[in-house]
Amino acid sequence: MKNWILFISLFMVTTLFLYPSDNADSWERDLQKAKKIAQKSGKLIFVDVGTSWCGFCDTLKKEVFPTKSFQDQAKNYVLVRLDGDKDEQLMDKLKVNAYPTLIYFQSNGKEIDRTNYLDAKNLSKKMALLHQKHGMQYGRRTDEKSEIKPIKKIKKIKVMEKHEYPNGFRRHVLNKCQILPEGYSGN
């Protein structure tokens, strides 16, 4: 009896290490809720539309989504998983006609791209490219590492000086240009 308990325990622990989870609890199941989250965070939306009977959908869940390359890119997205068999009206609205369908939205809900099955390497490249191209919202990058902030008000600008030449030709030369953020207390 003790051997069986030891064997089952060892099997369960080994299975957990061999098949890491894709953080299933981090996936939203409601697209409208995901859009609200994306609007607040400025992140893009990644939607995985699959079914229980689709082989490539299972491959995505078990082999692609748990990879480190996907997880690194997923930090820039609100992840949504939808079941194509449960809500036919939503599938018609999203124009889903094959499974799996991977749809990418901006945080405002506008669709920017869609693909079908991709392996981990190509899916990560696609997500990185879309984040680089569409990941700017409200003057800031959507990832947490960036410190880009828009300048609110230009306080002081010196632009042109006039130069007179012997032949009477006047030329305006850009001499100094200072763009100072609001609250600057220099010269």
Protein backbone atom coordinates (compact mmCIF):
# COMPACT_ATOMS: atom_id res chain seq x y z
CA MET A 1 0.00 0.00 0.00
CA LYS A 2 2.81 2.39 0.89
CA ASN A 3 4.49 1.63 -2.42
CA TRP A 4 1.34 2.62 -4.33
CA ILE A 5 1.03 5.91 -2.46
CA LEU A 6 4.71 6.65 -3.08
CA PHE A 7 4.36 5.71 -6.75
CA ILE A 8 1.27 7.93 -7.25
CA SER A 9 2.89 10.85 -5.44
CA LEU A 10 6.05 10.53 -7.50
CA PHE A 11 4.00 10.29 -10.71
CA MET A 12 2.02 13.44 -9.88
CA VAL A 13 5.15 15.47 -9.04
CA THR A 14 6.90 14.30 -12.21
CA THR A 15 3.86 15.17 -14.30
CA LEU A 16 3.75 18.69 -12.86
CA PHE A 17 7.39 19.30 -13.80
CA LEU A 18 7.17 17.74 -17.26
CA TYR A 19 3.97 19.55 -18.25
CA PRO A 20 4.06 23.08 -16.84
CA SER A 21 0.79 24.92 -16.81
CA ASP A 22 0.06 27.95 -18.99
CA ASN A 23 -1.37 29.82 -15.99
CA ALA A 24 -4.93 28.95 -16.95
CA ASP A 25 -6.25 31.31 -14.30
CA SER A 26 -4.57 34.27 -16.06
CA TRP A 27 -6.82 33.82 -19.11
CA GLU A 28 -10.06 35.77 -19.24
CA ARG A 29 -13.19 34.01 -20.49
CA ASP A 30 -15.18 37.18 -21.28
CA LEU A 31 -14.09 39.39 -24.19
CA GLN A 32 -15.94 42.48 -22.92
CA LYS A 33 -14.26 42.23 -19.52
CA ALA A 34 -10.89 41.82 -21.25
CA LYS A 35 -11.51 44.98 -23.29
CA LYS A 36 -12.15 46.94 -20.10
CA ILE A 37 -8.96 45.59 -18.54
CA ALA A 38 -7.01 46.43 -21.71
CA GLN A 39 -8.36 49.98 -21.80
CA LYS A 40 -7.24 50.56 -18.21
CA SER A 41 -3.81 48.96 -18.67
CA GLY A 42 -3.12 50.03 -22.28
CA LYS A 43 -2.21 46.44 -23.20
CA LEU A 44 -3.13 44.67 -26.42
CA ILE A 45 -5.63 41.80 -26.38
CA PHE A 46 -4.77 38.24 -27.48
CA VAL A 47 -7.77 35.98 -28.10
CA ASP A 48 -7.46 32.21 -28.49
CA VAL A 49 -10.63 30.75 -29.99
CA GLY A 50 -10.71 26.97 -29.84
CA THR A 51 -12.91 23.95 -29.23
CA SER A 52 -12.68 20.79 -27.16
CA TRP A 53 -12.52 18.56 -30.25
CA CYS A 54 -9.77 20.52 -32.08
CA GLY A 55 -6.36 18.80 -32.10
CA PHE A 56 -4.33 21.93 -32.88
CA CYS A 57 -6.17 23.77 -30.07
CA ASP A 58 -4.91 21.15 -27.62
CA THR A 59 -1.41 21.44 -29.06
CA LEU A 60 -1.48 25.20 -28.47
CA LYS A 61 -2.61 24.74 -24.86
CA LYS A 62 -0.14 21.97 -24.02
CA GLU A 63 2.95 22.77 -26.09
CA VAL A 64 2.91 26.44 -27.17
CA PHE A 65 1.33 28.50 -24.38
CA PRO A 66 3.51 27.03 -21.57
CA THR A 67 6.78 27.96 -23.35
CA LYS A 68 8.98 30.71 -21.95
CA SER A 69 8.96 32.64 -25.25
CA PHE A 70 5.15 32.83 -25.24
CA GLN A 71 4.99 33.68 -21.53
CA ASP A 72 7.47 36.54 -22.04
CA GLN A 73 5.31 38.07 -24.78
CA ALA A 74 2.04 37.36 -22.95
CA LYS A 75 3.00 39.94 -20.30
CA ASN A 76 2.19 42.65 -22.87
CA TYR A 77 -1.30 41.29 -23.58
CA VAL A 78 -4.60 40.65 -21.89
CA LEU A 79 -5.13 36.94 -22.62
CA VAL A 80 -8.59 35.67 -23.56
CA ARG A 81 -9.65 32.08 -24.22
CA LEU A 82 -13.02 31.49 -25.90
CA ASP A 83 -14.80 28.21 -26.67
CA GLY A 84 -16.10 28.26 -30.23
CA ASP A 85 -18.84 25.73 -29.45
CA LYS A 86 -20.44 27.72 -26.63
CA ASP A 87 -21.25 31.13 -28.15
CA GLU A 88 -22.13 30.92 -31.85
CA GLN A 89 -23.30 34.55 -32.03
CA LEU A 90 -19.94 35.80 -30.80
CA MET A 91 -18.15 33.50 -33.27
CA ASP A 92 -20.24 34.96 -36.09
CA LYS A 93 -19.49 38.49 -34.89
CA LEU A 94 -15.76 37.72 -34.73
CA LYS A 95 -16.00 35.94 -38.12
CA VAL A 96 -14.36 32.76 -36.83
CA ASN A 97 -14.57 29.97 -39.41
CA ALA A 98 -11.63 27.75 -38.41
CA TYR A 99 -10.09 26.49 -35.19
CA PRO A 100 -7.85 27.54 -33.60
CA THR A 101 -8.15 31.21 -34.48
CA LEU A 102 -5.84 33.67 -32.77
CA ILE A 103 -7.11 37.26 -32.88
CA TYR A 104 -5.14 40.34 -31.84
CA PHE A 105 -6.92 43.53 -30.76
CA GLN A 106 -5.77 46.98 -29.73
CA SER A 107 -6.80 48.07 -26.26
CA ASN A 108 -9.68 50.06 -27.78
CA GLY A 109 -11.13 46.84 -29.24
CA LYS A 110 -10.07 47.35 -32.88
CA GLU A 111 -8.86 44.13 -34.52
CA ILE A 112 -5.30 44.44 -35.82
CA ASP A 113 -4.52 40.90 -37.01
CA ARG A 114 -5.55 37.24 -36.90
CA THR A 115 -3.81 33.94 -37.51
CA ASN A 116 -4.46 30.26 -37.13
CA TYR A 117 -2.11 27.77 -35.48
CA LEU A 118 1.50 28.96 -35.05
CA ASP A 119 4.34 27.19 -33.28
CA ALA A 120 5.88 28.82 -30.21
CA LYS A 121 8.72 30.54 -32.04
CA ASN A 122 6.55 32.10 -34.75
CA LEU A 123 3.75 33.02 -32.35
CA SER A 124 6.21 34.82 -30.07
CA LYS A 125 7.70 36.69 -33.04
CA LYS A 126 4.22 37.69 -34.20
CA MET A 127 3.23 38.92 -30.75
CA ALA A 128 6.47 40.89 -30.37
CA LEU A 129 6.02 42.51 -33.78
CA LEU A 130 2.43 43.50 -33.07
CA HIS A 131 3.33 44.84 -29.65
CA GLN A 132 6.15 46.88 -31.15
CA LYS A 133 3.88 48.26 -33.88
CA HIS A 134 0.64 48.77 -31.93
CA GLY A 135 1.78 48.74 -28.29
CA MET A 136 1.98 52.52 -27.87
CA GLN A 137 -0.99 53.98 -26.05
CA TYR A 138 -1.39 57.49 -24.70
CA GLY A 139 2.24 58.48 -25.27
CA ARG A 140 3.64 55.57 -23.24
CA ARG A 141 4.84 52.11 -24.07
CA THR A 142 2.58 49.48 -22.65
CA ASP A 143 5.33 47.47 -20.99
CA GLU A 144 6.25 48.29 -17.41
CA LYS A 145 9.97 48.83 -18.09
CA SER A 146 9.62 51.97 -20.16
CA GLU A 147 9.75 55.43 -18.61
CA ILE A 148 8.58 57.41 -21.66
CA LYS A 149 6.25 60.23 -20.63
CA PRO A 150 4.82 62.96 -22.85
CA ILE A 151 5.92 66.56 -22.37
CA LYS A 152 2.85 68.43 -21.17
CA LYS A 153 3.77 71.99 -22.01
CA ILE A 154 6.58 73.69 -23.87
CA LYS A 155 7.66 76.67 -21.82
CA LYS A 156 10.51 78.33 -23.72
CA ILE A 157 11.69 78.13 -27.32
CA LYS A 158 14.43 80.21 -29.00
CA VAL A 159 14.38 79.46 -32.67
CA MET A 160 15.69 81.91 -35.25
CA GLU A 161 18.39 84.53 -35.68
CA LYS A 162 18.66 86.82 -38.69
CA HIS A 163 21.96 87.06 -40.52
CA GLU A 164 22.64 89.84 -43.05
CA TYR A 165 25.00 89.11 -45.89
CA PRO A 166 26.87 91.76 -48.02
CA ASN A 167 24.68 91.11 -51.08
CA GLY A 168 21.54 91.96 -49.10
CA PHE A 169 20.50 88.33 -48.78
CA ARG A 170 18.87 87.62 -45.44
CA ARG A 171 19.11 84.19 -43.98
CA HIS A 172 17.30 82.84 -40.93
CA VAL A 173 19.43 80.37 -39.04
CA LEU A 174 18.30 77.97 -36.40
CA ASN A 175 20.56 78.93 -33.53
CA LYS A 176 19.18 77.60 -30.29
CA CYS A 177 16.19 75.47 -29.63
CA GLN A 178 15.32 74.66 -26.06
CA ILE A 179 12.28 72.62 -25.23
CA LEU A 180 11.81 72.74 -21.52
CA PRO A 181 9.24 70.79 -19.56
CA GLU A 182 6.71 72.58 -17.43
CA GLY A 183 8.13 73.59 -14.07
CA TYR A 184 11.70 74.13 -15.34
CA SER A 185 13.35 76.87 -13.32
CA GLY A 186 16.51 77.54 -15.37
CA ASN A 187 17.43 80.68 -17.39
